[in-house]
Amino acid sequence: FIYSNIELLKDYVARLERYLSAVYEVDL
């Protein structure tokens, strides 16, 4: 479980990082 989920977790973290970077670039 750990071995397979860590690979998936790396992908999810990368996606969240992209989202947060995009939010930070929006004019607020």
mmCIF file of all heavy atoms, coordinates in Angstrom:
data_MODEL
# 
_entry.id   MODEL 
# 
loop_
_atom_site.group_PDB 
_atom_site.id 
_atom_site.type_symbol 
_atom_site.label_atom_id 
_atom_site.label_alt_id 
_atom_site.label_comp_id 
_atom_site.label_asym_id 
_atom_site.label_entity_id 
_atom_site.label_seq_id 
_atom_site.pdbx_PDB_ins_code 
_atom_site.Cartn_x 
_atom_site.Cartn_y 
_atom_site.Cartn_z 
_atom_site.occupancy 
_atom_site.B_iso_or_equiv 
_atom_site.pdbx_formal_charge 
_atom_site.auth_seq_id 
_atom_site.auth_comp_id 
_atom_site.auth_asym_id 
_atom_site.auth_atom_id 
_atom_site.pdbx_PDB_model_num 
ATOM 1   N N   . PHE A 1 1  ? 0.828  -1.195 0.000   1.00 0.00 ? 1  PHE A N   1 
ATOM 2   C CA  . PHE A 1 1  ? 0.000  0.000  0.000   1.00 0.00 ? 1  PHE A CA  1 
ATOM 3   C C   . PHE A 1 1  ? 0.868  1.253  0.000   1.00 0.00 ? 1  PHE A C   1 
ATOM 4   O O   . PHE A 1 1  ? 0.658  2.188  -0.786  1.00 0.00 ? 1  PHE A O   1 
ATOM 5   C CB  . PHE A 1 1  ? -0.924 0.028  1.229   1.00 0.00 ? 1  PHE A CB  1 
ATOM 6   C CG  . PHE A 1 1  ? -1.907 -1.111 1.280   1.00 0.00 ? 1  PHE A CG  1 
ATOM 7   C CD1 . PHE A 1 1  ? -2.413 -1.546 2.493   1.00 0.00 ? 1  PHE A CD1 1 
ATOM 8   C CD2 . PHE A 1 1  ? -2.320 -1.742 0.123   1.00 0.00 ? 1  PHE A CD2 1 
ATOM 9   C CE1 . PHE A 1 1  ? -3.315 -2.599 2.554   1.00 0.00 ? 1  PHE A CE1 1 
ATOM 10  C CE2 . PHE A 1 1  ? -3.232 -2.801 0.169   1.00 0.00 ? 1  PHE A CE2 1 
ATOM 11  C CZ  . PHE A 1 1  ? -3.717 -3.227 1.385   1.00 0.00 ? 1  PHE A CZ  1 
ATOM 12  N N   . ILE A 1 2  ? 1.831  1.273  0.918   1.00 0.00 ? 2  ILE A N   1 
ATOM 13  C CA  . ILE A 1 2  ? 2.700  2.450  1.043   1.00 0.00 ? 2  ILE A CA  1 
ATOM 14  C C   . ILE A 1 2  ? 3.466  2.676  -0.259  1.00 0.00 ? 2  ILE A C   1 
ATOM 15  O O   . ILE A 1 2  ? 3.548  3.798  -0.775  1.00 0.00 ? 2  ILE A O   1 
ATOM 16  C CB  . ILE A 1 2  ? 3.669  2.276  2.222   1.00 0.00 ? 2  ILE A CB  1 
ATOM 17  C CG1 . ILE A 1 2  ? 2.901  2.205  3.535   1.00 0.00 ? 2  ILE A CG1 1 
ATOM 18  C CG2 . ILE A 1 2  ? 4.678  3.411  2.271   1.00 0.00 ? 2  ILE A CG2 1 
ATOM 19  C CD1 . ILE A 1 2  ? 3.743  1.811  4.730   1.00 0.00 ? 2  ILE A CD1 1 
ATOM 20  N N   . TYR A 1 3  ? 4.034  1.602  -0.788  1.00 0.00 ? 3  TYR A N   1 
ATOM 21  C CA  . TYR A 1 3  ? 4.875  1.720  -1.983  1.00 0.00 ? 3  TYR A CA  1 
ATOM 22  C C   . TYR A 1 3  ? 4.073  2.264  -3.162  1.00 0.00 ? 3  TYR A C   1 
ATOM 23  O O   . TYR A 1 3  ? 4.527  3.164  -3.892  1.00 0.00 ? 3  TYR A O   1 
ATOM 24  C CB  . TYR A 1 3  ? 5.460  0.341  -2.317  1.00 0.00 ? 3  TYR A CB  1 
ATOM 25  C CG  . TYR A 1 3  ? 6.419  0.332  -3.478  1.00 0.00 ? 3  TYR A CG  1 
ATOM 26  C CD1 . TYR A 1 3  ? 7.711  0.817  -3.329  1.00 0.00 ? 3  TYR A CD1 1 
ATOM 27  C CD2 . TYR A 1 3  ? 6.032  -0.154 -4.722  1.00 0.00 ? 3  TYR A CD2 1 
ATOM 28  C CE1 . TYR A 1 3  ? 8.598  0.811  -4.392  1.00 0.00 ? 3  TYR A CE1 1 
ATOM 29  C CE2 . TYR A 1 3  ? 6.909  -0.170 -5.790  1.00 0.00 ? 3  TYR A CE2 1 
ATOM 30  C CZ  . TYR A 1 3  ? 8.192  0.313  -5.619  1.00 0.00 ? 3  TYR A CZ  1 
ATOM 31  O OH  . TYR A 1 3  ? 9.057  0.310  -6.680  1.00 0.00 ? 3  TYR A OH  1 
ATOM 32  N N   . SER A 1 4  ? 2.871  1.727  -3.361  1.00 0.00 ? 4  SER A N   1 
ATOM 33  C CA  . SER A 1 4  ? 2.072  2.176  -4.509  1.00 0.00 ? 4  SER A CA  1 
ATOM 34  C C   . SER A 1 4  ? 1.468  3.554  -4.280  1.00 0.00 ? 4  SER A C   1 
ATOM 35  O O   . SER A 1 4  ? 1.357  4.365  -5.215  1.00 0.00 ? 4  SER A O   1 
ATOM 36  C CB  . SER A 1 4  ? 0.971  1.158  -4.802  1.00 0.00 ? 4  SER A CB  1 
ATOM 37  O OG  . SER A 1 4  ? 0.131  0.997  -3.665  1.00 0.00 ? 4  SER A OG  1 
ATOM 38  N N   . ASN A 1 5  ? 1.075  3.867  -3.043  1.00 0.00 ? 5  ASN A N   1 
ATOM 39  C CA  . ASN A 1 5  ? 0.415  5.148  -2.768  1.00 0.00 ? 5  ASN A CA  1 
ATOM 40  C C   . ASN A 1 5  ? 1.389  6.321  -2.796  1.00 0.00 ? 5  ASN A C   1 
ATOM 41  O O   . ASN A 1 5  ? 0.982  7.455  -3.091  1.00 0.00 ? 5  ASN A O   1 
ATOM 42  C CB  . ASN A 1 5  ? -0.298 5.104  -1.422  1.00 0.00 ? 5  ASN A CB  1 
ATOM 43  C CG  . ASN A 1 5  ? -1.550 4.250  -1.468  1.00 0.00 ? 5  ASN A CG  1 
ATOM 44  O OD1 . ASN A 1 5  ? -2.091 3.997  -2.548  1.00 0.00 ? 5  ASN A OD1 1 
ATOM 45  N ND2 . ASN A 1 5  ? -2.008 3.796  -0.307  1.00 0.00 ? 5  ASN A ND2 1 
ATOM 46  N N   . ILE A 1 6  ? 2.656  6.084  -2.452  1.00 0.00 ? 6  ILE A N   1 
ATOM 47  C CA  . ILE A 1 6  ? 3.618  7.187  -2.467  1.00 0.00 ? 6  ILE A CA  1 
ATOM 48  C C   . ILE A 1 6  ? 3.798  7.716  -3.884  1.00 0.00 ? 6  ILE A C   1 
ATOM 49  O O   . ILE A 1 6  ? 3.914  8.935  -4.104  1.00 0.00 ? 6  ILE A O   1 
ATOM 50  C CB  . ILE A 1 6  ? 4.957  6.740  -1.851  1.00 0.00 ? 6  ILE A CB  1 
ATOM 51  C CG1 . ILE A 1 6  ? 4.828  6.626  -0.337  1.00 0.00 ? 6  ILE A CG1 1 
ATOM 52  C CG2 . ILE A 1 6  ? 6.082  7.715  -2.196  1.00 0.00 ? 6  ILE A CG2 1 
ATOM 53  C CD1 . ILE A 1 6  ? 6.061  6.138  0.366   1.00 0.00 ? 6  ILE A CD1 1 
ATOM 54  N N   . GLU A 1 7  ? 3.829  6.841  -4.855  1.00 0.00 ? 7  GLU A N   1 
ATOM 55  C CA  . GLU A 1 7  ? 3.954  7.283  -6.242  1.00 0.00 ? 7  GLU A CA  1 
ATOM 56  C C   . GLU A 1 7  ? 2.745  8.135  -6.640  1.00 0.00 ? 7  GLU A C   1 
ATOM 57  O O   . GLU A 1 7  ? 2.879  9.176  -7.303  1.00 0.00 ? 7  GLU A O   1 
ATOM 58  C CB  . GLU A 1 7  ? 4.064  6.052  -7.157  1.00 0.00 ? 7  GLU A CB  1 
ATOM 59  C CG  . GLU A 1 7  ? 4.396  6.366  -8.595  1.00 0.00 ? 7  GLU A CG  1 
ATOM 60  C CD  . GLU A 1 7  ? 5.783  6.948  -8.766  1.00 0.00 ? 7  GLU A CD  1 
ATOM 61  O OE1 . GLU A 1 7  ? 6.682  6.631  -7.955  1.00 0.00 ? 7  GLU A OE1 1 
ATOM 62  O OE2 . GLU A 1 7  ? 5.980  7.742  -9.716  1.00 0.00 ? 7  GLU A OE2 1 
ATOM 63  N N   . LEU A 1 8  ? 1.569  7.686  -6.211  1.00 0.00 ? 8  LEU A N   1 
ATOM 64  C CA  . LEU A 1 8  ? 0.354  8.457  -6.489  1.00 0.00 ? 8  LEU A CA  1 
ATOM 65  C C   . LEU A 1 8  ? 0.359  9.777  -5.734  1.00 0.00 ? 8  LEU A C   1 
ATOM 66  O O   . LEU A 1 8  ? -0.070 10.824 -6.264  1.00 0.00 ? 8  LEU A O   1 
ATOM 67  C CB  . LEU A 1 8  ? -0.869 7.618  -6.083  1.00 0.00 ? 8  LEU A CB  1 
ATOM 68  C CG  . LEU A 1 8  ? -2.241 8.173  -6.456  1.00 0.00 ? 8  LEU A CG  1 
ATOM 69  C CD1 . LEU A 1 8  ? -2.374 8.324  -7.974  1.00 0.00 ? 8  LEU A CD1 1 
ATOM 70  C CD2 . LEU A 1 8  ? -3.339 7.273  -5.918  1.00 0.00 ? 8  LEU A CD2 1 
ATOM 71  N N   . LEU A 1 9  ? 0.864  9.751  -4.486  1.00 0.00 ? 9  LEU A N   1 
ATOM 72  C CA  . LEU A 1 9  ? 0.925  10.963 -3.679  1.00 0.00 ? 9  LEU A CA  1 
ATOM 73  C C   . LEU A 1 9  ? 1.848  11.996 -4.311  1.00 0.00 ? 9  LEU A C   1 
ATOM 74  O O   . LEU A 1 9  ? 1.554  13.215 -4.277  1.00 0.00 ? 9  LEU A O   1 
ATOM 75  C CB  . LEU A 1 9  ? 1.407  10.600 -2.265  1.00 0.00 ? 9  LEU A CB  1 
ATOM 76  C CG  . LEU A 1 9  ? 1.435  11.733 -1.244  1.00 0.00 ? 9  LEU A CG  1 
ATOM 77  C CD1 . LEU A 1 9  ? 0.038  12.313 -1.040  1.00 0.00 ? 9  LEU A CD1 1 
ATOM 78  C CD2 . LEU A 1 9  ? 2.011  11.227 0.082   1.00 0.00 ? 9  LEU A CD2 1 
ATOM 79  N N   . LYS A 1 10 ? 2.941  11.569 -4.884  1.00 0.00 ? 10 LYS A N   1 
ATOM 80  C CA  . LYS A 1 10 ? 3.850  12.497 -5.562  1.00 0.00 ? 10 LYS A CA  1 
ATOM 81  C C   . LYS A 1 10 ? 3.134  13.214 -6.698  1.00 0.00 ? 10 LYS A C   1 
ATOM 82  O O   . LYS A 1 10 ? 3.299  14.428 -6.900  1.00 0.00 ? 10 LYS A O   1 
ATOM 83  C CB  . LYS A 1 10 ? 5.073  11.744 -6.098  1.00 0.00 ? 10 LYS A CB  1 
ATOM 84  C CG  . LYS A 1 10 ? 6.034  11.275 -5.023  1.00 0.00 ? 10 LYS A CG  1 
ATOM 85  C CD  . LYS A 1 10 ? 7.183  10.478 -5.598  1.00 0.00 ? 10 LYS A CD  1 
ATOM 86  C CE  . LYS A 1 10 ? 8.085  11.338 -6.448  1.00 0.00 ? 10 LYS A CE  1 
ATOM 87  N NZ  . LYS A 1 10 ? 9.266  10.572 -6.941  1.00 0.00 ? 10 LYS A NZ  1 
ATOM 88  N N   . ASP A 1 11 ? 2.314  12.489 -7.441  1.00 0.00 ? 11 ASP A N   1 
ATOM 89  C CA  . ASP A 1 11 ? 1.569  13.100 -8.542  1.00 0.00 ? 11 ASP A CA  1 
ATOM 90  C C   . ASP A 1 11 ? 0.541  14.092 -8.007  1.00 0.00 ? 11 ASP A C   1 
ATOM 91  O O   . ASP A 1 11 ? 0.388  15.199 -8.553  1.00 0.00 ? 11 ASP A O   1 
ATOM 92  C CB  . ASP A 1 11 ? 0.895  12.006 -9.357  1.00 0.00 ? 11 ASP A CB  1 
ATOM 93  C CG  . ASP A 1 11 ? 0.100  12.565 -10.529 1.00 0.00 ? 11 ASP A CG  1 
ATOM 94  O OD1 . ASP A 1 11 ? 0.711  13.243 -11.381 1.00 0.00 ? 11 ASP A OD1 1 
ATOM 95  O OD2 . ASP A 1 11 ? -1.121 12.302 -10.591 1.00 0.00 ? 11 ASP A OD2 1 
ATOM 96  N N   . TYR A 1 12 ? -0.161 13.722 -6.919  1.00 0.00 ? 12 TYR A N   1 
ATOM 97  C CA  . TYR A 1 12 ? -1.173 14.629 -6.358  1.00 0.00 ? 12 TYR A CA  1 
ATOM 98  C C   . TYR A 1 12 ? -0.539 15.901 -5.808  1.00 0.00 ? 12 TYR A C   1 
ATOM 99  O O   . TYR A 1 12 ? -1.073 16.999 -5.972  1.00 0.00 ? 12 TYR A O   1 
ATOM 100 C CB  . TYR A 1 12 ? -1.929 13.915 -5.240  1.00 0.00 ? 12 TYR A CB  1 
ATOM 101 C CG  . TYR A 1 12 ? -2.930 12.881 -5.721  1.00 0.00 ? 12 TYR A CG  1 
ATOM 102 C CD1 . TYR A 1 12 ? -3.640 12.095 -4.814  1.00 0.00 ? 12 TYR A CD1 1 
ATOM 103 C CD2 . TYR A 1 12 ? -3.159 12.690 -7.088  1.00 0.00 ? 12 TYR A CD2 1 
ATOM 104 C CE1 . TYR A 1 12 ? -4.555 11.136 -5.255  1.00 0.00 ? 12 TYR A CE1 1 
ATOM 105 C CE2 . TYR A 1 12 ? -4.064 11.737 -7.529  1.00 0.00 ? 12 TYR A CE2 1 
ATOM 106 C CZ  . TYR A 1 12 ? -4.752 10.964 -6.619  1.00 0.00 ? 12 TYR A CZ  1 
ATOM 107 O OH  . TYR A 1 12 ? -5.660 10.033 -7.058  1.00 0.00 ? 12 TYR A OH  1 
ATOM 108 N N   . VAL A 1 13 ? 0.590  15.761 -5.137  1.00 0.00 ? 13 VAL A N   1 
ATOM 109 C CA  . VAL A 1 13 ? 1.279  16.937 -4.595  1.00 0.00 ? 13 VAL A CA  1 
ATOM 110 C C   . VAL A 1 13 ? 1.715  17.864 -5.727  1.00 0.00 ? 13 VAL A C   1 
ATOM 111 O O   . VAL A 1 13 ? 1.614  19.108 -5.615  1.00 0.00 ? 13 VAL A O   1 
ATOM 112 C CB  . VAL A 1 13 ? 2.473  16.492 -3.735  1.00 0.00 ? 13 VAL A CB  1 
ATOM 113 C CG1 . VAL A 1 13 ? 3.379  17.675 -3.417  1.00 0.00 ? 13 VAL A CG1 1 
ATOM 114 C CG2 . VAL A 1 13 ? 1.999  15.839 -2.450  1.00 0.00 ? 13 VAL A CG2 1 
ATOM 115 N N   . ALA A 1 14 ? 2.190  17.275 -6.814  1.00 0.00 ? 14 ALA A N   1 
ATOM 116 C CA  . ALA A 1 14 ? 2.598  18.101 -7.955  1.00 0.00 ? 14 ALA A CA  1 
ATOM 117 C C   . ALA A 1 14 ? 1.409  18.877 -8.525  1.00 0.00 ? 14 ALA A C   1 
ATOM 118 O O   . ALA A 1 14 ? 1.518  20.065 -8.888  1.00 0.00 ? 14 ALA A O   1 
ATOM 119 C CB  . ALA A 1 14 ? 3.230  17.228 -9.035  1.00 0.00 ? 14 ALA A CB  1 
ATOM 120 N N   . ARG A 1 15 ? 0.244  18.228 -8.578  1.00 0.00 ? 15 ARG A N   1 
ATOM 121 C CA  . ARG A 1 15 ? -0.951 18.912 -9.081  1.00 0.00 ? 15 ARG A CA  1 
ATOM 122 C C   . ARG A 1 15 ? -1.371 20.058 -8.151  1.00 0.00 ? 15 ARG A C   1 
ATOM 123 O O   . ARG A 1 15 ? -1.715 21.170 -8.600  1.00 0.00 ? 15 ARG A O   1 
ATOM 124 C CB  . ARG A 1 15 ? -2.104 17.918 -9.199  1.00 0.00 ? 15 ARG A CB  1 
ATOM 125 C CG  . ARG A 1 15 ? -1.905 16.863 -10.268 1.00 0.00 ? 15 ARG A CG  1 
ATOM 126 C CD  . ARG A 1 15 ? -3.150 15.998 -10.341 1.00 0.00 ? 15 ARG A CD  1 
ATOM 127 N NE  . ARG A 1 15 ? -2.929 14.785 -11.127 1.00 0.00 ? 15 ARG A NE  1 
ATOM 128 C CZ  . ARG A 1 15 ? -3.890 13.896 -11.368 1.00 0.00 ? 15 ARG A CZ  1 
ATOM 129 N NH1 . ARG A 1 15 ? -5.108 14.061 -10.851 1.00 0.00 ? 15 ARG A NH1 1 
ATOM 130 N NH2 . ARG A 1 15 ? -3.620 12.811 -12.086 1.00 0.00 ? 15 ARG A NH2 1 
ATOM 131 N N   . LEU A 1 16 ? -1.354 19.784 -6.835  1.00 0.00 ? 16 LEU A N   1 
ATOM 132 C CA  . LEU A 1 16 ? -1.724 20.838 -5.886  1.00 0.00 ? 16 LEU A CA  1 
ATOM 133 C C   . LEU A 1 16 ? -0.759 22.025 -5.965  1.00 0.00 ? 16 LEU A C   1 
ATOM 134 O O   . LEU A 1 16 ? -1.163 23.184 -5.834  1.00 0.00 ? 16 LEU A O   1 
ATOM 135 C CB  . LEU A 1 16 ? -1.732 20.262 -4.467  1.00 0.00 ? 16 LEU A CB  1 
ATOM 136 C CG  . LEU A 1 16 ? -2.895 19.327 -4.122  1.00 0.00 ? 16 LEU A CG  1 
ATOM 137 C CD1 . LEU A 1 16 ? -2.686 18.709 -2.748  1.00 0.00 ? 16 LEU A CD1 1 
ATOM 138 C CD2 . LEU A 1 16 ? -4.220 20.085 -4.150  1.00 0.00 ? 16 LEU A CD2 1 
ATOM 139 N N   . GLU A 1 17 ? 0.505  21.698 -6.159  1.00 0.00 ? 17 GLU A N   1 
ATOM 140 C CA  . GLU A 1 17 ? 1.499  22.766 -6.261  1.00 0.00 ? 17 GLU A CA  1 
ATOM 141 C C   . GLU A 1 17 ? 1.215  23.648 -7.471  1.00 0.00 ? 17 GLU A C   1 
ATOM 142 O O   . GLU A 1 17 ? 1.324  24.889 -7.410  1.00 0.00 ? 17 GLU A O   1 
ATOM 143 C CB  . GLU A 1 17 ? 2.897  22.150 -6.355  1.00 0.00 ? 17 GLU A CB  1 
ATOM 144 C CG  . GLU A 1 17 ? 4.001  23.193 -6.317  1.00 0.00 ? 17 GLU A CG  1 
ATOM 145 C CD  . GLU A 1 17 ? 5.381  22.559 -6.392  1.00 0.00 ? 17 GLU A CD  1 
ATOM 146 O OE1 . GLU A 1 17 ? 5.481  21.324 -6.277  1.00 0.00 ? 17 GLU A OE1 1 
ATOM 147 O OE2 . GLU A 1 17 ? 6.352  23.322 -6.572  1.00 0.00 ? 17 GLU A OE2 1 
ATOM 148 N N   . ARG A 1 18 ? 0.827  23.028 -8.596  1.00 0.00 ? 18 ARG A N   1 
ATOM 149 C CA  . ARG A 1 18 ? 0.470  23.802 -9.788  1.00 0.00 ? 18 ARG A CA  1 
ATOM 150 C C   . ARG A 1 18 ? -0.736 24.700 -9.517  1.00 0.00 ? 18 ARG A C   1 
ATOM 151 O O   . ARG A 1 18 ? -0.779 25.866 -9.908  1.00 0.00 ? 18 ARG A O   1 
ATOM 152 C CB  . ARG A 1 18 ? 0.147  22.852 -10.935 1.00 0.00 ? 18 ARG A CB  1 
ATOM 153 C CG  . ARG A 1 18 ? 1.376  22.206 -11.587 1.00 0.00 ? 18 ARG A CG  1 
ATOM 154 C CD  . ARG A 1 18 ? 0.956  21.227 -12.656 1.00 0.00 ? 18 ARG A CD  1 
ATOM 155 N NE  . ARG A 1 18 ? 0.147  21.900 -13.671 1.00 0.00 ? 18 ARG A NE  1 
ATOM 156 C CZ  . ARG A 1 18 ? -0.660 21.283 -14.532 1.00 0.00 ? 18 ARG A CZ  1 
ATOM 157 N NH1 . ARG A 1 18 ? -0.763 19.956 -14.481 1.00 0.00 ? 18 ARG A NH1 1 
ATOM 158 N NH2 . ARG A 1 18 ? -1.357 21.972 -15.423 1.00 0.00 ? 18 ARG A NH2 1 
ATOM 159 N N   . TYR A 1 19 ? -1.734 24.124 -8.808  1.00 0.00 ? 19 TYR A N   1 
ATOM 160 C CA  . TYR A 1 19 ? -2.945 24.901 -8.506  1.00 0.00 ? 19 TYR A CA  1 
ATOM 161 C C   . TYR A 1 19 ? -2.624 26.092 -7.610  1.00 0.00 ? 19 TYR A C   1 
ATOM 162 O O   . TYR A 1 19 ? -3.051 27.221 -7.878  1.00 0.00 ? 19 TYR A O   1 
ATOM 163 C CB  . TYR A 1 19 ? -3.966 23.993 -7.838  1.00 0.00 ? 19 TYR A CB  1 
ATOM 164 C CG  . TYR A 1 19 ? -5.160 24.731 -7.290  1.00 0.00 ? 19 TYR A CG  1 
ATOM 165 C CD1 . TYR A 1 19 ? -6.159 25.243 -8.142  1.00 0.00 ? 19 TYR A CD1 1 
ATOM 166 C CD2 . TYR A 1 19 ? -5.290 24.954 -5.918  1.00 0.00 ? 19 TYR A CD2 1 
ATOM 167 C CE1 . TYR A 1 19 ? -7.243 25.938 -7.634  1.00 0.00 ? 19 TYR A CE1 1 
ATOM 168 C CE2 . TYR A 1 19 ? -6.375 25.657 -5.405  1.00 0.00 ? 19 TYR A CE2 1 
ATOM 169 C CZ  . TYR A 1 19 ? -7.351 26.136 -6.272  1.00 0.00 ? 19 TYR A CZ  1 
ATOM 170 O OH  . TYR A 1 19 ? -8.433 26.837 -5.755  1.00 0.00 ? 19 TYR A OH  1 
ATOM 171 N N   . LEU A 1 20 ? -1.872 25.879 -6.563  1.00 0.00 ? 20 LEU A N   1 
ATOM 172 C CA  . LEU A 1 20 ? -1.553 26.955 -5.631  1.00 0.00 ? 20 LEU A CA  1 
ATOM 173 C C   . LEU A 1 20 ? -0.696 28.029 -6.298  1.00 0.00 ? 20 LEU A C   1 
ATOM 174 O O   . LEU A 1 20 ? -0.848 29.235 -6.011  1.00 0.00 ? 20 LEU A O   1 
ATOM 175 C CB  . LEU A 1 20 ? -0.833 26.385 -4.404  1.00 0.00 ? 20 LEU A CB  1 
ATOM 176 C CG  . LEU A 1 20 ? -1.704 25.500 -3.491  1.00 0.00 ? 20 LEU A CG  1 
ATOM 177 C CD1 . LEU A 1 20 ? -0.839 24.858 -2.404  1.00 0.00 ? 20 LEU A CD1 1 
ATOM 178 C CD2 . LEU A 1 20 ? -2.830 26.310 -2.873  1.00 0.00 ? 20 LEU A CD2 1 
ATOM 179 N N   . SER A 1 21 ? 0.192  27.595 -7.181  1.00 0.00 ? 21 SER A N   1 
ATOM 180 C CA  . SER A 1 21 ? 1.009  28.576 -7.912  1.00 0.00 ? 21 SER A CA  1 
ATOM 181 C C   . SER A 1 21 ? 0.120  29.441 -8.795  1.00 0.00 ? 21 SER A C   1 
ATOM 182 O O   . SER A 1 21 ? 0.318  30.667 -8.908  1.00 0.00 ? 21 SER A O   1 
ATOM 183 C CB  . SER A 1 21 ? 2.064  27.857 -8.763  1.00 0.00 ? 21 SER A CB  1 
ATOM 184 O OG  . SER A 1 21 ? 2.956  27.154 -7.946  1.00 0.00 ? 21 SER A OG  1 
ATOM 185 N N   . ALA A 1 22 ? -0.885 28.809 -9.432  1.00 0.00 ? 22 ALA A N   1 
ATOM 186 C CA  . ALA A 1 22 ? -1.806 29.574 -10.290 1.00 0.00 ? 22 ALA A CA  1 
ATOM 187 C C   . ALA A 1 22 ? -2.640 30.542 -9.461  1.00 0.00 ? 22 ALA A C   1 
ATOM 188 O O   . ALA A 1 22 ? -2.858 31.698 -9.852  1.00 0.00 ? 22 ALA A O   1 
ATOM 189 C CB  . ALA A 1 22 ? -2.715 28.615 -11.058 1.00 0.00 ? 22 ALA A CB  1 
ATOM 190 N N   . VAL A 1 23 ? -3.107 30.093 -8.292  1.00 0.00 ? 23 VAL A N   1 
ATOM 191 C CA  . VAL A 1 23 ? -3.894 30.973 -7.425  1.00 0.00 ? 23 VAL A CA  1 
ATOM 192 C C   . VAL A 1 23 ? -3.062 32.163 -6.983  1.00 0.00 ? 23 VAL A C   1 
ATOM 193 O O   . VAL A 1 23 ? -3.539 33.314 -6.913  1.00 0.00 ? 23 VAL A O   1 
ATOM 194 C CB  . VAL A 1 23 ? -4.430 30.188 -6.214  1.00 0.00 ? 23 VAL A CB  1 
ATOM 195 C CG1 . VAL A 1 23 ? -5.032 31.130 -5.165  1.00 0.00 ? 23 VAL A CG1 1 
ATOM 196 C CG2 . VAL A 1 23 ? -5.465 29.169 -6.654  1.00 0.00 ? 23 VAL A CG2 1 
ATOM 197 N N   . TYR A 1 24 ? -1.819 31.944 -6.683  1.00 0.00 ? 24 TYR A N   1 
ATOM 198 C CA  . TYR A 1 24 ? -0.939 33.009 -6.195  1.00 0.00 ? 24 TYR A CA  1 
ATOM 199 C C   . TYR A 1 24 ? -0.704 34.069 -7.274  1.00 0.00 ? 24 TYR A C   1 
ATOM 200 O O   . TYR A 1 24 ? -0.450 35.229 -6.981  1.00 0.00 ? 24 TYR A O   1 
ATOM 201 C CB  . TYR A 1 24 ? 0.390  32.398 -5.741  1.00 0.00 ? 24 TYR A CB  1 
ATOM 202 C CG  . TYR A 1 24 ? 1.313  33.383 -5.080  1.00 0.00 ? 24 TYR A CG  1 
ATOM 203 C CD1 . TYR A 1 24 ? 1.002  33.898 -3.811  1.00 0.00 ? 24 TYR A CD1 1 
ATOM 204 C CD2 . TYR A 1 24 ? 2.488  33.806 -5.699  1.00 0.00 ? 24 TYR A CD2 1 
ATOM 205 C CE1 . TYR A 1 24 ? 1.841  34.814 -3.194  1.00 0.00 ? 24 TYR A CE1 1 
ATOM 206 C CE2 . TYR A 1 24 ? 3.336  34.705 -5.089  1.00 0.00 ? 24 TYR A CE2 1 
ATOM 207 C CZ  . TYR A 1 24 ? 3.007  35.203 -3.825  1.00 0.00 ? 24 TYR A CZ  1 
ATOM 208 O OH  . TYR A 1 24 ? 3.830  36.120 -3.228  1.00 0.00 ? 24 TYR A OH  1 
ATOM 209 N N   . GLU A 1 25 ? -0.763 33.642 -8.543  1.00 0.00 ? 25 GLU A N   1 
ATOM 210 C CA  . GLU A 1 25 ? -0.516 34.584 -9.638  1.00 0.00 ? 25 GLU A CA  1 
ATOM 211 C C   . GLU A 1 25 ? -1.754 35.404 -10.004 1.00 0.00 ? 25 GLU A C   1 
ATOM 212 O O   . GLU A 1 25 ? -1.673 36.356 -10.793 1.00 0.00 ? 25 GLU A O   1 
ATOM 213 C CB  . GLU A 1 25 ? -0.045 33.804 -10.875 1.00 0.00 ? 25 GLU A CB  1 
ATOM 214 C CG  . GLU A 1 25 ? 1.337  33.165 -10.668 1.00 0.00 ? 25 GLU A CG  1 
ATOM 215 C CD  . GLU A 1 25 ? 1.716  32.255 -11.830 1.00 0.00 ? 25 GLU A CD  1 
ATOM 216 O OE1 . GLU A 1 25 ? 0.877  32.095 -12.747 1.00 0.00 ? 25 GLU A OE1 1 
ATOM 217 O OE2 . GLU A 1 25 ? 2.831  31.692 -11.789 1.00 0.00 ? 25 GLU A OE2 1 
ATOM 218 N N   . VAL A 1 26 ? -2.934 35.066 -9.499  1.00 0.00 ? 26 VAL A N   1 
ATOM 219 C CA  . VAL A 1 26 ? -4.169 35.802 -9.805  1.00 0.00 ? 26 VAL A CA  1 
ATOM 220 C C   . VAL A 1 26 ? -4.156 37.154 -9.069  1.00 0.00 ? 26 VAL A C   1 
ATOM 221 O O   . VAL A 1 26 ? -3.737 37.235 -7.910  1.00 0.00 ? 26 VAL A O   1 
ATOM 222 C CB  . VAL A 1 26 ? -5.400 34.971 -9.384  1.00 0.00 ? 26 VAL A CB  1 
ATOM 223 C CG1 . VAL A 1 26 ? -6.679 35.792 -9.559  1.00 0.00 ? 26 VAL A CG1 1 
ATOM 224 C CG2 . VAL A 1 26 ? -5.480 33.705 -10.216 1.00 0.00 ? 26 VAL A CG2 1 
ATOM 225 N N   . ASP A 1 27 ? -4.619 38.238 -9.775  1.00 0.00 ? 27 ASP A N   1 
ATOM 226 C CA  . ASP A 1 27 ? -4.722 39.565 -9.152  1.00 0.00 ? 27 ASP A CA  1 
ATOM 227 C C   . ASP A 1 27 ? -5.886 39.574 -8.173  1.00 0.00 ? 27 ASP A C   1 
ATOM 228 O O   . ASP A 1 27 ? -7.053 39.338 -8.560  1.00 0.00 ? 27 ASP A O   1 
ATOM 229 C CB  . ASP A 1 27 ? -4.937 40.645 -10.215 1.00 0.00 ? 27 ASP A CB  1 
ATOM 230 C CG  . ASP A 1 27 ? -3.684 40.832 -11.083 1.00 0.00 ? 27 ASP A CG  1 
ATOM 231 O OD1 . ASP A 1 27 ? -2.584 40.546 -10.555 1.00 0.00 ? 27 ASP A OD1 1 
ATOM 232 O OD2 . ASP A 1 27 ? -3.819 41.215 -12.252 1.00 0.00 ? 27 ASP A OD2 1 
ATOM 233 N N   . LEU A 1 28 ? -5.601 39.784 -6.940  1.00 0.00 ? 28 LEU A N   1 
ATOM 234 C CA  . LEU A 1 28 ? -6.607 39.788 -5.894  1.00 0.00 ? 28 LEU A CA  1 
ATOM 235 C C   . LEU A 1 28 ? -6.711 41.175 -5.279  1.00 0.00 ? 28 LEU A C   1 
ATOM 236 O O   . LEU A 1 28 ? -5.768 41.981 -5.373  1.00 0.00 ? 28 LEU A O   1 
ATOM 237 C CB  . LEU A 1 28 ? -6.225 38.775 -4.803  1.00 0.00 ? 28 LEU A CB  1 
ATOM 238 C CG  . LEU A 1 28 ? -6.152 37.307 -5.229  1.00 0.00 ? 28 LEU A CG  1 
ATOM 239 C CD1 . LEU A 1 28 ? -5.605 36.473 -4.067  1.00 0.00 ? 28 LEU A CD1 1 
ATOM 240 C CD2 . LEU A 1 28 ? -7.537 36.797 -5.633  1.00 0.00 ? 28 LEU A CD2 1 
# 
